[in-house]
Amino acid sequence: MDQIDARHLLCPLPVLRLRKALMALPSGAQVELLATDRASWLDIPHFCAQSGHRLMSAEDLGPHLRYIIESA
């Protein structure tokens, strides 16, 4: 599973990095995204819903947020 470390990056950079990574992956591949920007809690699910990718999980781990996304 690929990992994107978007910690300490502000909106829209976590979503842009996720989008770029997903474009290079085949359908069904999974990506882990780590972010500290609390706006990503809304942005990542919205991006997935709009682009057809599947948000597998979203966790608030305290110092950062962790998302698992499956490419469409």
N, C-alpha and C. Protein backbone atom coordinates (compact mmCIF):
# COMPACT_ATOMS: atom_id res chain seq x y z
N MET A 1 0.86 -1.18 0.00
CA MET A 1 0.00 0.00 0.00
C MET A 1 0.90 1.23 0.00
N ASP A 2 0.60 2.14 -0.91
CA ASP A 2 1.34 3.40 -0.97
C ASP A 2 0.94 4.28 0.21
N GLN A 3 1.86 5.12 0.65
CA GLN A 3 1.58 6.05 1.73
C GLN A 3 1.90 7.47 1.28
N ILE A 4 1.01 8.38 1.61
CA ILE A 4 1.22 9.80 1.34
C ILE A 4 1.33 10.49 2.69
N ASP A 5 2.45 11.12 2.92
CA ASP A 5 2.64 11.88 4.15
C ASP A 5 2.34 13.34 3.86
N ALA A 6 1.13 13.76 4.20
CA ALA A 6 0.70 15.14 3.98
C ALA A 6 0.62 15.89 5.31
N ARG A 7 1.31 15.37 6.31
CA ARG A 7 1.31 16.06 7.61
C ARG A 7 1.99 17.42 7.45
N HIS A 8 1.43 18.39 8.13
CA HIS A 8 1.93 19.78 8.15
C HIS A 8 1.70 20.51 6.82
N LEU A 9 0.88 19.94 5.95
CA LEU A 9 0.48 20.62 4.72
C LEU A 9 -0.95 21.11 4.89
N LEU A 10 -1.22 22.31 4.41
CA LEU A 10 -2.56 22.87 4.52
C LEU A 10 -3.36 22.65 3.24
N CYS A 11 -4.67 22.73 3.39
CA CYS A 11 -5.61 22.59 2.28
C CYS A 11 -5.21 23.56 1.18
N PRO A 12 -5.21 23.15 -0.04
CA PRO A 12 -5.71 21.92 -0.63
C PRO A 12 -4.63 20.87 -0.88
N LEU A 13 -3.44 21.05 -0.36
CA LEU A 13 -2.32 20.17 -0.70
C LEU A 13 -2.55 18.70 -0.37
N PRO A 14 -3.14 18.32 0.77
CA PRO A 14 -3.38 16.88 1.00
C PRO A 14 -4.25 16.26 -0.09
N VAL A 15 -5.29 16.95 -0.51
CA VAL A 15 -6.17 16.42 -1.56
C VAL A 15 -5.44 16.36 -2.89
N LEU A 16 -4.65 17.36 -3.20
CA LEU A 16 -3.91 17.37 -4.47
C LEU A 16 -2.89 16.24 -4.52
N ARG A 17 -2.22 16.00 -3.41
CA ARG A 17 -1.26 14.88 -3.38
C ARG A 17 -1.97 13.54 -3.51
N LEU A 18 -3.12 13.42 -2.87
CA LEU A 18 -3.90 12.19 -2.98
C LEU A 18 -4.35 11.98 -4.43
N ARG A 19 -4.87 13.02 -5.04
CA ARG A 19 -5.34 12.93 -6.43
C ARG A 19 -4.22 12.49 -7.36
N LYS A 20 -3.05 13.08 -7.21
CA LYS A 20 -1.91 12.73 -8.05
C LYS A 20 -1.50 11.26 -7.87
N ALA A 21 -1.49 10.81 -6.63
CA ALA A 21 -1.12 9.42 -6.36
C ALA A 21 -2.14 8.45 -6.93
N LEU A 22 -3.42 8.75 -6.78
CA LEU A 22 -4.47 7.86 -7.27
C LEU A 22 -4.48 7.77 -8.80
N MET A 23 -4.11 8.84 -9.47
CA MET A 23 -4.09 8.83 -10.93
C MET A 23 -3.08 7.82 -11.47
N ALA A 24 -2.04 7.55 -10.70
CA ALA A 24 -0.97 6.66 -11.15
C ALA A 24 -1.22 5.20 -10.77
N LEU A 25 -2.32 4.93 -10.06
CA LEU A 25 -2.58 3.58 -9.56
C LEU A 25 -3.70 2.89 -10.32
N PRO A 26 -3.65 1.57 -10.39
CA PRO A 26 -4.75 0.83 -11.02
C PRO A 26 -5.99 0.82 -10.11
N SER A 27 -7.11 0.53 -10.69
CA SER A 27 -8.35 0.42 -9.93
C SER A 27 -8.22 -0.65 -8.86
N GLY A 28 -8.68 -0.33 -7.65
CA GLY A 28 -8.63 -1.28 -6.55
C GLY A 28 -7.40 -1.15 -5.66
N ALA A 29 -6.41 -0.38 -6.10
CA ALA A 29 -5.22 -0.16 -5.27
C ALA A 29 -5.58 0.74 -4.10
N GLN A 30 -4.89 0.57 -2.99
CA GLN A 30 -5.17 1.36 -1.80
C GLN A 30 -4.01 2.29 -1.47
N VAL A 31 -4.37 3.43 -0.91
CA VAL A 31 -3.42 4.46 -0.50
C VAL A 31 -3.73 4.84 0.94
N GLU A 32 -2.69 5.01 1.73
CA GLU A 32 -2.83 5.55 3.09
C GLU A 32 -2.39 7.00 3.04
N LEU A 33 -3.22 7.88 3.56
CA LEU A 33 -2.91 9.31 3.63
C LEU A 33 -2.86 9.73 5.08
N LEU A 34 -1.77 10.38 5.47
CA LEU A 34 -1.62 10.95 6.80
C LEU A 34 -1.68 12.46 6.67
N ALA A 35 -2.49 13.11 7.49
CA ALA A 35 -2.65 14.56 7.42
C ALA A 35 -2.83 15.14 8.81
N THR A 36 -2.40 16.39 8.96
CA THR A 36 -2.63 17.10 10.22
C THR A 36 -3.64 18.23 10.04
N ASP A 37 -3.93 18.60 8.80
CA ASP A 37 -4.89 19.65 8.52
C ASP A 37 -6.30 19.12 8.83
N ARG A 38 -6.93 19.69 9.82
CA ARG A 38 -8.26 19.22 10.25
C ARG A 38 -9.32 19.43 9.17
N ALA A 39 -9.09 20.33 8.23
CA ALA A 39 -10.04 20.51 7.13
C ALA A 39 -10.10 19.27 6.25
N SER A 40 -9.06 18.46 6.29
CA SER A 40 -9.07 17.23 5.47
C SER A 40 -10.17 16.28 5.92
N TRP A 41 -10.64 16.41 7.15
CA TRP A 41 -11.72 15.55 7.66
C TRP A 41 -12.98 15.72 6.80
N LEU A 42 -13.16 16.90 6.23
CA LEU A 42 -14.27 17.16 5.31
C LEU A 42 -13.83 17.00 3.85
N ASP A 43 -12.63 17.47 3.55
CA ASP A 43 -12.15 17.50 2.16
C ASP A 43 -11.94 16.11 1.56
N ILE A 44 -11.35 15.19 2.30
CA ILE A 44 -11.04 13.87 1.75
C ILE A 44 -12.33 13.09 1.42
N PRO A 45 -13.30 13.00 2.33
CA PRO A 45 -14.54 12.31 1.96
C PRO A 45 -15.26 12.96 0.77
N HIS A 46 -15.24 14.29 0.72
CA HIS A 46 -15.88 15.00 -0.39
C HIS A 46 -15.16 14.68 -1.70
N PHE A 47 -13.82 14.72 -1.68
CA PHE A 47 -13.05 14.39 -2.88
C PHE A 47 -13.37 12.98 -3.36
N CYS A 48 -13.40 12.02 -2.44
CA CYS A 48 -13.68 10.63 -2.81
C CYS A 48 -15.07 10.49 -3.42
N ALA A 49 -16.05 11.13 -2.82
CA ALA A 49 -17.42 11.06 -3.33
C ALA A 49 -17.53 11.67 -4.72
N GLN A 50 -16.84 12.77 -4.96
CA GLN A 50 -16.90 13.45 -6.25
C GLN A 50 -16.12 12.74 -7.34
N SER A 51 -15.05 12.04 -6.96
CA SER A 51 -14.17 11.44 -7.97
C SER A 51 -14.39 9.94 -8.15
N GLY A 52 -15.23 9.33 -7.31
CA GLY A 52 -15.54 7.92 -7.47
C GLY A 52 -14.63 6.97 -6.72
N HIS A 53 -13.66 7.52 -5.99
CA HIS A 53 -12.78 6.67 -5.17
C HIS A 53 -13.53 6.29 -3.89
N ARG A 54 -13.07 5.24 -3.24
CA ARG A 54 -13.77 4.73 -2.05
C ARG A 54 -12.96 5.03 -0.80
N LEU A 55 -13.56 5.76 0.13
CA LEU A 55 -12.93 6.02 1.42
C LEU A 55 -13.17 4.79 2.29
N MET A 56 -12.13 4.01 2.50
CA MET A 56 -12.25 2.76 3.26
C MET A 56 -12.32 3.02 4.76
N SER A 57 -11.50 3.97 5.24
CA SER A 57 -11.53 4.29 6.66
C SER A 57 -10.96 5.68 6.88
N ALA A 58 -11.38 6.28 7.98
CA ALA A 58 -10.88 7.58 8.42
C ALA A 58 -10.74 7.51 9.93
N GLU A 59 -9.55 7.79 10.42
CA GLU A 59 -9.28 7.70 11.86
C GLU A 59 -8.62 8.98 12.35
N ASP A 60 -9.07 9.45 13.50
CA ASP A 60 -8.42 10.57 14.18
C ASP A 60 -7.48 9.96 15.21
N LEU A 61 -6.19 10.02 14.94
CA LEU A 61 -5.19 9.42 15.82
C LEU A 61 -4.59 10.43 16.78
N GLY A 62 -5.24 11.57 16.93
CA GLY A 62 -4.74 12.60 17.85
C GLY A 62 -3.82 13.57 17.14
N PRO A 63 -2.54 13.23 17.04
CA PRO A 63 -1.63 14.18 16.37
C PRO A 63 -1.84 14.27 14.86
N HIS A 64 -2.46 13.26 14.27
CA HIS A 64 -2.75 13.31 12.83
C HIS A 64 -3.97 12.46 12.50
N LEU A 65 -4.44 12.66 11.29
CA LEU A 65 -5.58 11.90 10.76
C LEU A 65 -5.05 10.88 9.77
N ARG A 66 -5.69 9.72 9.73
CA ARG A 66 -5.25 8.64 8.84
C ARG A 66 -6.43 8.20 8.00
N TYR A 67 -6.22 8.18 6.68
CA TYR A 67 -7.25 7.76 5.73
C TYR A 67 -6.74 6.61 4.89
N ILE A 68 -7.62 5.67 4.59
CA ILE A 68 -7.33 4.62 3.62
C ILE A 68 -8.31 4.81 2.47
N ILE A 69 -7.78 4.98 1.27
CA ILE A 69 -8.59 5.24 0.09
C ILE A 69 -8.30 4.18 -0.96
N GLU A 70 -9.36 3.67 -1.60
CA GLU A 70 -9.22 2.71 -2.68
C GLU A 70 -9.51 3.42 -4.01
N SER A 71 -8.60 3.25 -4.96
CA SER A 71 -8.76 3.93 -6.25
C SER A 71 -9.90 3.32 -7.07
N ALA A 72 -10.53 4.18 -7.84
CA ALA A 72 -11.66 3.75 -8.67
C ALA A 72 -11.17 3.11 -9.96
